[in-house]
């Protein structure tokens, strides 16, 4: 179980590194769609090289190709929107806004997933949104367009998470592969609309290519973590991504959240953890009744 925690934390740091790399690139003038294309193209190439020789056609086997394609489309949209957010707001605040996605999922689950209405979920949603309001502080210093894009990103990511649940019957590696492949195909077809060769230093080209590597390894480590430890054990550690984002934001961009913003982070994390722990308690009670 300890190895699962280490895998998860390592994966979260890599994904924060991906976000920081994307922020550096878009702030240097690289088009958001181009950053997204490199991220998915390298990701797909790595998965193909690593998994296709051993998995073969089994990697492509899915019970519902349309659902995989819908998930892939939402994954592309979430990525493009998030890189657009990072162009306008600090890394930690952008990451925190994205953590609103689980609360959107809770709010939509009764209608889109047929899950029952539960009071503790709605309380979690209310506290989580209060935390977001503390972070963005309407009338504060954050870019307004960036905040609106952040909320839209979280909503889109919530739809992506719901679509992921709908393909839960497929192998996680298959789902991951289709997500990367969808992004690569769609963004490649659109290349003539946005491609412009940027004037980048060699290290910036390396950074651009690295987005696919950190994305691939980050998601692989997350999958490995959940294979080694129960989700209820890992849930508290997911919010360490806000810490990693804040650390990288400070080291690279000199941006450190103020005390009020940290209070908002704490509200968001507390709401998410509270719901996760309550759900775990309900699951244990249900299992005890069945035994």
Protein backbone atom coordinates (compact mmCIF):
# COMPACT_ATOMS: atom_id res chain seq x y z
CA UNK A 1 0.00 0.00 0.00
CA UNK A 2 2.88 2.37 0.72
CA UNK A 3 4.14 1.84 -2.80
CA UNK A 4 0.71 2.90 -4.08
CA UNK A 5 1.00 6.21 -2.23
CA UNK A 6 4.49 6.78 -3.63
CA UNK A 7 3.31 6.00 -7.15
CA UNK A 8 0.40 8.41 -6.79
CA UNK A 9 2.50 11.26 -5.40
CA UNK A 10 5.09 10.72 -8.14
CA UNK A 11 2.36 10.79 -10.77
CA UNK A 12 0.88 14.00 -9.37
CA UNK A 13 4.25 15.73 -9.42
CA UNK A 14 4.78 14.68 -13.03
CA UNK A 15 1.37 16.01 -14.03
CA UNK A 16 2.13 19.29 -12.27
CA UNK A 17 5.41 19.35 -14.20
CA UNK A 18 3.40 18.88 -17.40
CA UNK A 19 1.17 21.80 -16.44
CA UNK A 20 4.16 24.01 -15.59
CA UNK A 21 5.81 23.12 -18.91
CA UNK A 22 2.63 23.96 -20.79
CA UNK A 23 2.36 27.29 -18.96
CA UNK A 24 5.97 28.18 -19.84
CA UNK A 25 5.36 27.36 -23.49
CA UNK A 26 2.07 29.21 -23.96
CA UNK A 27 3.50 32.24 -22.17
CA UNK A 28 6.43 32.09 -24.62
CA UNK A 29 3.95 32.42 -27.48
CA UNK A 30 3.51 28.79 -28.54
CA UNK A 31 -0.15 28.30 -29.62
CA UNK A 32 -2.22 26.34 -27.11
CA UNK A 33 -3.34 23.88 -29.79
CA UNK A 34 0.28 23.20 -30.76
CA UNK A 35 1.25 22.45 -27.16
CA UNK A 36 -1.76 20.13 -26.94
CA UNK A 37 -0.79 18.38 -30.19
CA UNK A 38 2.75 17.65 -28.99
CA UNK A 39 1.39 16.46 -25.65
CA UNK A 40 -0.92 13.90 -27.28
CA UNK A 41 1.30 12.90 -30.20
CA UNK A 42 4.27 12.02 -27.98
CA UNK A 43 1.97 10.36 -25.44
CA UNK A 44 0.44 8.14 -28.14
CA UNK A 45 3.82 7.32 -29.68
CA UNK A 46 5.17 6.22 -26.29
CA UNK A 47 2.12 4.09 -25.50
CA UNK A 48 2.32 2.47 -28.93
CA UNK A 49 6.02 1.70 -28.52
CA UNK A 50 5.66 0.34 -24.99
CA UNK A 51 2.33 -1.50 -25.12
CA UNK A 52 1.53 -2.55 -28.68
CA UNK A 53 4.38 -5.12 -28.92
CA UNK A 54 3.09 -6.95 -25.82
CA UNK A 55 -0.65 -6.25 -26.03
CA UNK A 56 -1.18 -6.23 -29.79
CA UNK A 57 -4.80 -5.86 -30.91
CA UNK A 58 -6.00 -6.49 -27.35
CA UNK A 59 -5.00 -2.92 -26.53
CA UNK A 60 -7.61 -1.68 -29.01
CA UNK A 61 -10.44 -3.91 -27.76
CA UNK A 62 -13.33 -1.88 -26.35
CA UNK A 63 -16.95 -2.71 -25.64
CA UNK A 64 -18.10 0.74 -26.74
CA UNK A 65 -16.06 2.67 -29.30
CA UNK A 66 -18.54 5.61 -29.41
CA UNK A 67 -18.19 6.13 -25.65
CA UNK A 68 -14.41 6.01 -25.95
CA UNK A 69 -14.54 8.62 -28.71
CA UNK A 70 -16.80 10.90 -26.65
CA UNK A 71 -14.38 10.58 -23.74
CA UNK A 72 -11.48 11.36 -26.06
CA UNK A 73 -13.21 14.49 -27.35
CA UNK A 74 -13.85 15.72 -23.80
CA UNK A 75 -10.23 14.96 -22.90
CA UNK A 76 -8.99 17.12 -25.79
CA UNK A 77 -11.32 19.97 -24.87
CA UNK A 78 -10.29 19.82 -21.21
CA UNK A 79 -6.59 19.95 -22.10
CA UNK A 80 -6.94 22.86 -24.53
CA UNK A 81 -9.05 24.82 -22.06
CA UNK A 82 -6.66 24.15 -19.17
CA UNK A 83 -3.60 25.33 -21.10
CA UNK A 84 -5.63 28.45 -21.95
CA UNK A 85 -6.32 28.95 -18.24
CA UNK A 86 -2.63 28.60 -17.36
CA UNK A 87 -1.80 31.33 -19.85
CA UNK A 88 -3.85 33.74 -17.71
CA UNK A 89 -3.69 32.62 -14.07
CA UNK A 90 -1.01 31.24 -11.71
CA UNK A 91 -0.37 27.50 -11.72
CA UNK A 92 -1.68 26.81 -8.20
CA UNK A 93 -4.92 28.74 -8.69
CA UNK A 94 -5.52 27.10 -12.07
CA UNK A 95 -4.98 23.65 -10.53
CA UNK A 96 -7.28 24.44 -7.60
CA UNK A 97 -10.09 25.54 -9.93
CA UNK A 98 -9.74 22.24 -11.78
CA UNK A 99 -10.35 20.44 -8.48
CA UNK A 100 -13.91 21.73 -8.71
CA UNK A 101 -14.58 19.00 -11.28
CA UNK A 102 -15.47 16.32 -8.67
CA UNK A 103 -18.10 18.66 -7.21
CA UNK A 104 -19.64 19.18 -10.65
CA UNK A 105 -19.69 15.37 -10.97
CA UNK A 106 -21.52 15.05 -7.63
CA UNK A 107 -24.06 17.65 -8.74
CA UNK A 108 -24.71 15.93 -12.10
CA UNK A 109 -24.44 12.29 -11.00
CA UNK A 110 -28.13 11.83 -10.03
CA UNK A 111 -29.20 12.75 -13.58
CA UNK A 112 -26.32 11.52 -15.75
CA UNK A 113 -25.30 8.42 -13.78
CA UNK A 114 -28.56 7.56 -12.02
CA UNK A 115 -26.94 7.82 -8.58
CA UNK A 116 -29.13 8.68 -5.56
CA UNK A 117 -29.33 12.18 -4.07
CA UNK A 118 -27.30 12.25 -0.85
CA UNK A 119 -27.14 15.13 1.59
CA UNK A 120 -23.41 14.78 2.34
CA UNK A 121 -22.62 15.12 -1.36
CA UNK A 122 -24.59 18.34 -1.67
CA UNK A 123 -22.90 19.69 1.47
CA UNK A 124 -19.56 18.82 -0.13
CA UNK A 125 -20.57 20.65 -3.30
CA UNK A 126 -21.56 23.74 -1.30
CA UNK A 127 -18.32 23.84 0.71
CA UNK A 128 -16.24 23.15 -2.40
CA UNK A 129 -17.82 26.01 -4.32
CA UNK A 130 -17.35 28.28 -1.31
CA UNK A 131 -13.67 27.38 -1.41
CA UNK A 132 -13.52 28.23 -5.10
CA UNK A 133 -15.10 31.63 -4.41
CA UNK A 134 -12.41 32.28 -1.80
CA UNK A 135 -9.68 31.36 -4.31
CA UNK A 136 -11.00 33.45 -7.21
CA UNK A 137 -12.49 36.24 -5.03
CA UNK A 138 -14.73 38.02 -7.55
CA UNK A 139 -13.31 41.50 -7.98
CA UNK A 140 -9.85 40.23 -6.96
CA UNK A 141 -6.58 40.19 -8.87
CA UNK A 142 -7.10 37.03 -10.94
CA UNK A 143 -7.75 37.53 -14.65
CA UNK A 144 -11.55 37.40 -15.13
CA UNK A 145 -11.37 35.59 -18.46
CA UNK A 146 -8.94 33.13 -16.88
CA UNK A 147 -11.39 32.49 -14.02
CA UNK A 148 -14.31 31.93 -16.42
CA UNK A 149 -12.16 29.58 -18.49
CA UNK A 150 -11.17 27.81 -15.26
CA UNK A 151 -14.80 27.17 -14.32
CA UNK A 152 -15.54 25.97 -17.86
CA UNK A 153 -12.48 23.71 -17.71
CA UNK A 154 -13.64 22.17 -14.43
CA UNK A 155 -17.12 21.58 -15.87
CA UNK A 156 -15.67 19.98 -19.02
CA UNK A 157 -13.32 17.86 -16.91
CA UNK A 158 -16.32 16.73 -14.85
CA UNK A 159 -18.04 15.54 -18.02
CA UNK A 160 -14.78 13.79 -18.92
CA UNK A 161 -14.77 12.02 -15.53
CA UNK A 162 -18.38 10.93 -16.03
CA UNK A 163 -17.51 9.62 -19.49
CA UNK A 164 -14.58 7.73 -17.92
CA UNK A 165 -17.01 5.98 -15.57
CA UNK A 166 -19.06 4.93 -18.59
CA UNK A 167 -16.08 3.07 -20.08
CA UNK A 168 -15.00 1.55 -16.76
CA UNK A 169 -15.66 -1.92 -18.20
CA UNK A 170 -12.66 -1.50 -20.54
CA UNK A 171 -9.01 -2.03 -19.60
CA UNK A 172 -7.66 1.28 -18.16
CA UNK A 173 -4.70 1.09 -20.55
CA UNK A 174 -7.10 0.74 -23.48
CA UNK A 175 -9.03 3.78 -22.28
CA UNK A 176 -5.80 5.75 -21.82
CA UNK A 177 -4.64 4.76 -25.31
CA UNK A 178 -7.90 5.81 -26.97
CA UNK A 179 -7.77 9.14 -25.15
CA UNK A 180 -4.28 9.87 -26.45
CA UNK A 181 -5.09 8.57 -29.92
CA UNK A 182 -8.23 10.70 -30.16
CA UNK A 183 -6.27 13.81 -29.23
CA UNK A 184 -3.54 13.01 -31.73
CA UNK A 185 -5.91 12.35 -34.64
CA UNK A 186 -8.19 15.36 -34.09
CA UNK A 187 -5.37 17.84 -33.49
CA UNK A 188 -3.37 16.45 -36.42
CA UNK A 189 -6.32 16.95 -38.78
CA UNK A 190 -6.59 20.52 -37.53
CA UNK A 191 -2.85 21.26 -37.91
CA UNK A 192 -3.24 23.42 -41.05
CA UNK A 193 -5.54 25.74 -39.09
CA UNK A 194 -3.09 26.61 -36.34
CA UNK A 195 0.43 25.43 -37.17
CA UNK A 196 3.14 28.05 -37.08
CA UNK A 197 6.77 27.14 -36.53
CA UNK A 198 7.74 28.89 -33.31
CA UNK A 199 11.16 30.42 -32.78
CA UNK A 200 12.19 28.40 -29.76
CA UNK A 201 15.49 27.68 -28.07
CA UNK A 202 16.62 24.01 -28.02
CA UNK A 203 15.58 23.67 -24.37
CA UNK A 204 12.09 24.93 -25.24
CA UNK A 205 11.76 22.33 -28.01
CA UNK A 206 12.83 19.70 -25.48
CA UNK A 207 10.24 21.05 -23.06
CA UNK A 208 7.56 20.86 -25.76
CA UNK A 209 8.36 17.21 -26.46
CA UNK A 210 8.57 16.44 -22.73
CA UNK A 211 4.88 17.28 -22.27
CA UNK A 212 3.98 13.94 -23.84
CA UNK A 213 6.52 12.09 -21.69
CA UNK A 214 5.39 13.60 -18.39
CA UNK A 215 1.74 13.10 -19.36
CA UNK A 216 2.31 9.44 -20.23
CA UNK A 217 4.35 8.68 -17.10
CA UNK A 218 2.04 10.68 -14.82
CA UNK A 219 -1.08 8.81 -15.91
CA UNK A 220 0.77 5.46 -15.87
CA UNK A 221 1.92 6.05 -12.28
CA UNK A 222 -1.62 6.96 -11.25
CA UNK A 223 -2.98 3.75 -12.76
CA UNK A 224 -0.22 1.78 -11.00
CA UNK A 225 -1.06 3.49 -7.71
CA UNK A 226 -4.73 2.49 -7.82
CA UNK A 227 -3.68 -1.07 -8.68
CA UNK A 228 -1.58 -1.21 -5.49
CA UNK A 229 -3.76 0.61 -2.95
CA UNK A 230 -7.50 1.21 -2.40
CA UNK A 231 -8.95 4.49 -3.61
CA UNK A 232 -10.07 5.39 -0.07
CA UNK A 233 -6.44 5.28 1.12
CA UNK A 234 -5.20 7.36 -1.80
CA UNK A 235 -7.98 9.98 -1.73
CA UNK A 236 -6.30 12.34 0.80
CA UNK A 237 -3.07 12.38 -1.20
CA UNK A 238 -4.72 13.53 -4.44
CA UNK A 239 -4.89 17.06 -3.06
CA UNK A 240 -1.10 17.15 -2.81
CA UNK A 241 -1.23 18.21 -6.45
CA UNK A 242 -2.21 21.68 -5.24
CA UNK A 243 0.99 21.69 -3.15
CA UNK A 244 3.12 20.53 -6.07
CA UNK A 245 1.52 23.14 -8.34
CA UNK A 246 2.14 25.87 -5.76
CA UNK A 247 5.76 24.75 -5.34
CA UNK A 248 6.46 24.73 -9.07
CA UNK A 249 4.60 28.01 -9.51
CA UNK A 250 6.88 29.60 -6.92
CA UNK A 251 10.13 28.04 -8.20
CA UNK A 252 9.52 28.72 -11.90
CA UNK A 253 7.22 31.73 -12.05
CA UNK A 254 7.76 33.38 -8.67
CA UNK A 255 4.03 33.10 -7.95
CA UNK A 256 3.04 32.09 -4.42
CA UNK A 257 -0.61 32.05 -3.24
CA UNK A 258 -1.49 34.38 -0.37
CA UNK A 259 -3.00 33.24 2.95
CA UNK A 260 -6.60 33.81 1.86
CA UNK A 261 -6.04 31.70 -1.25
CA UNK A 262 -4.56 28.91 0.87
CA UNK A 263 -7.73 29.05 3.00
CA UNK A 264 -9.73 28.50 -0.19
CA UNK A 265 -7.50 25.56 -1.11
CA UNK A 266 -8.16 24.10 2.35
CA UNK A 267 -11.93 24.41 1.93
CA UNK A 268 -11.83 22.66 -1.46
CA UNK A 269 -9.62 19.85 -0.13
CA UNK A 270 -11.69 19.46 3.06
CA UNK A 271 -14.92 19.19 1.08
CA UNK A 272 -13.49 16.56 -1.24
CA UNK A 273 -11.92 14.55 1.58
CA UNK A 274 -15.07 14.75 3.68
CA UNK A 275 -17.23 13.32 0.90
CA UNK A 276 -14.64 10.62 0.09
CA UNK A 277 -14.42 9.48 3.72
CA UNK A 278 -18.21 9.47 4.13
CA UNK A 279 -18.59 7.43 0.93
CA UNK A 280 -16.00 4.95 2.24
CA UNK A 281 -17.93 4.66 5.50
CA UNK A 282 -21.18 3.95 3.62
CA UNK A 283 -19.41 1.34 1.49
CA UNK A 284 -18.04 -0.44 4.57
CA UNK A 285 -21.48 -0.42 6.19
CA UNK A 286 -23.07 -1.87 3.04
CA UNK A 287 -20.41 -4.59 2.86
CA UNK A 288 -20.98 -5.46 6.53
CA UNK A 289 -24.72 -5.84 5.96
CA UNK A 290 -24.14 -8.21 3.04
CA UNK A 291 -21.67 -10.41 4.93
